Amino acid sequence: MNLFTSGRLNEYLASVDALAVDMFFRLATKYSDRQGVTEQLKSENQFLWIQKMNNILACVREVVENDIIYS
């Protein structure tokens, strides 16, 4: 409520959003590199690539939400 009344709520929310987006893309890249999800896999087996990327993105989303959004 203090952020709202002081007029700093939008600034705070924008910084949290930027932090969350940055963490999301860093972790998604890191996880996909670790699991071998590459453009070569994408061209060879699209369904497997989609399956792995969906799993990675769900895991990353959960980490970001727990560490930044809900903490």
C-alpha atoms as a PDB file:
ATOM      1  CA  MET A   1       0.000   0.000   0.000  1.00  0.00           C
ATOM      2  CA  ASN A   2       2.927   2.312   0.725  1.00  0.00           C
ATOM      3  CA  LEU A   3       4.217   1.919  -2.826  1.00  0.00           C
ATOM      4  CA  PHE A   4       0.784   2.757  -4.205  1.00  0.00           C
ATOM      5  CA  THR A   5       0.277   5.857  -2.109  1.00  0.00           C
ATOM      6  CA  SER A   6       3.806   7.122  -2.736  1.00  0.00           C
ATOM      7  CA  GLY A   7       3.398   6.711  -6.514  1.00  0.00           C
ATOM      8  CA  ARG A   8       6.245   4.189  -6.817  1.00  0.00           C
ATOM      9  CA  LEU A   9       4.157   1.074  -7.464  1.00  0.00           C
ATOM     10  CA  ASN A  10       4.551   1.124 -11.261  1.00  0.00           C
ATOM     11  CA  GLU A  11       8.315   1.586 -10.941  1.00  0.00           C
ATOM     12  CA  TYR A  12       8.535  -1.350  -8.532  1.00  0.00           C
ATOM     13  CA  LEU A  13       6.377  -3.603 -10.710  1.00  0.00           C
ATOM     14  CA  ALA A  14       8.404  -2.722 -13.809  1.00  0.00           C
ATOM     15  CA  SER A  15      11.650  -3.637 -12.056  1.00  0.00           C
ATOM     16  CA  VAL A  16      10.223  -6.958 -10.842  1.00  0.00           C
ATOM     17  CA  ASP A  17       8.958  -7.694 -14.355  1.00  0.00           C
ATOM     18  CA  ALA A  18      12.349  -6.913 -15.913  1.00  0.00           C
ATOM     19  CA  LEU A  19      14.099  -9.119 -13.360  1.00  0.00           C
ATOM     20  CA  ALA A  20      11.652 -11.979 -13.978  1.00  0.00           C
ATOM     21  CA  VAL A  21      11.971 -11.762 -17.779  1.00  0.00           C
ATOM     22  CA  ASP A  22      15.764 -11.696 -17.569  1.00  0.00           C
ATOM     23  CA  MET A  23      15.841 -14.695 -15.237  1.00  0.00           C
ATOM     24  CA  PHE A  24      13.343 -16.585 -17.397  1.00  0.00           C
ATOM     25  CA  PHE A  25      15.399 -16.266 -20.587  1.00  0.00           C
ATOM     26  CA  ARG A  26      18.709 -16.992 -18.837  1.00  0.00           C
ATOM     27  CA  LEU A  27      17.339 -20.152 -17.223  1.00  0.00           C
ATOM     28  CA  ALA A  28      15.565 -21.319 -20.377  1.00  0.00           C
ATOM     29  CA  THR A  29      18.810 -21.031 -22.334  1.00  0.00           C
ATOM     30  CA  LYS A  30      20.794 -22.745 -19.593  1.00  0.00           C
ATOM     31  CA  TYR A  31      18.319 -25.619 -19.213  1.00  0.00           C
ATOM     32  CA  SER A  32      18.019 -26.194 -22.963  1.00  0.00           C
ATOM     33  CA  ASP A  33      21.815 -26.280 -23.317  1.00  0.00           C
ATOM     34  CA  ARG A  34      22.100 -28.787 -20.477  1.00  0.00           C
ATOM     35  CA  GLN A  35      19.444 -31.055 -21.968  1.00  0.00           C
ATOM     36  CA  GLY A  36      20.797 -30.881 -25.498  1.00  0.00           C
ATOM     37  CA  VAL A  37      17.791 -29.124 -26.985  1.00  0.00           C
ATOM     38  CA  THR A  38      19.350 -27.627 -30.100  1.00  0.00           C
ATOM     39  CA  GLU A  39      18.336 -26.358 -33.516  1.00  0.00           C
ATOM     40  CA  GLN A  40      19.636 -29.647 -34.904  1.00  0.00           C
ATOM     41  CA  LEU A  41      17.166 -31.568 -32.723  1.00  0.00           C
ATOM     42  CA  LYS A  42      14.462 -29.169 -33.877  1.00  0.00           C
ATOM     43  CA  SER A  43      15.168 -29.947 -37.521  1.00  0.00           C
ATOM     44  CA  GLU A  44      15.474 -33.700 -36.959  1.00  0.00           C
ATOM     45  CA  ASN A  45      12.588 -34.353 -34.578  1.00  0.00           C
ATOM     46  CA  GLN A  46      10.199 -31.433 -34.095  1.00  0.00           C
ATOM     47  CA  PHE A  47       7.827 -33.247 -31.769  1.00  0.00           C
ATOM     48  CA  LEU A  48      10.603 -34.240 -29.375  1.00  0.00           C
ATOM     49  CA  TRP A  49      11.960 -30.681 -29.475  1.00  0.00           C
ATOM     50  CA  ILE A  50       8.518 -29.263 -28.655  1.00  0.00           C
ATOM     51  CA  GLN A  51       8.047 -31.764 -25.841  1.00  0.00           C
ATOM     52  CA  LYS A  52      11.414 -30.926 -24.292  1.00  0.00           C
ATOM     53  CA  MET A  53      11.000 -27.173 -24.709  1.00  0.00           C
ATOM     54  CA  ASN A  54       7.526 -27.232 -23.153  1.00  0.00           C
ATOM     55  CA  ASN A  55       8.938 -29.144 -20.188  1.00  0.00           C
ATOM     56  CA  ILE A  56      11.860 -26.721 -19.850  1.00  0.00           C
ATOM     57  CA  LEU A  57       9.624 -23.654 -20.072  1.00  0.00           C
ATOM     58  CA  ALA A  58       7.229 -25.056 -17.461  1.00  0.00           C
ATOM     59  CA  CYS A  59      10.115 -25.732 -15.079  1.00  0.00           C
ATOM     60  CA  VAL A  60      11.628 -22.304 -15.658  1.00  0.00           C
ATOM     61  CA  ARG A  61       8.264 -20.609 -15.178  1.00  0.00           C
ATOM     62  CA  GLU A  62       7.851 -22.400 -11.841  1.00  0.00           C
ATOM     63  CA  VAL A  63      11.330 -21.371 -10.674  1.00  0.00           C
ATOM     64  CA  VAL A  64      10.807 -17.732 -11.655  1.00  0.00           C
ATOM     65  CA  GLU A  65       7.391 -17.579 -10.022  1.00  0.00           C
ATOM     66  CA  ASN A  66       8.675 -19.104  -6.777  1.00  0.00           C
ATOM     67  CA  ASP A  67      11.879 -17.075  -6.596  1.00  0.00           C
ATOM     68  CA  ILE A  68      10.715 -13.674  -7.807  1.00  0.00           C
ATOM     69  CA  ILE A  69       6.959 -13.338  -8.134  1.00  0.00           C
ATOM     70  CA  TYR A  70       5.716 -15.046  -4.978  1.00  0.00           C
ATOM     71  CA  SER A  71       8.651 -14.378  -2.644  1.00  0.00           C
END
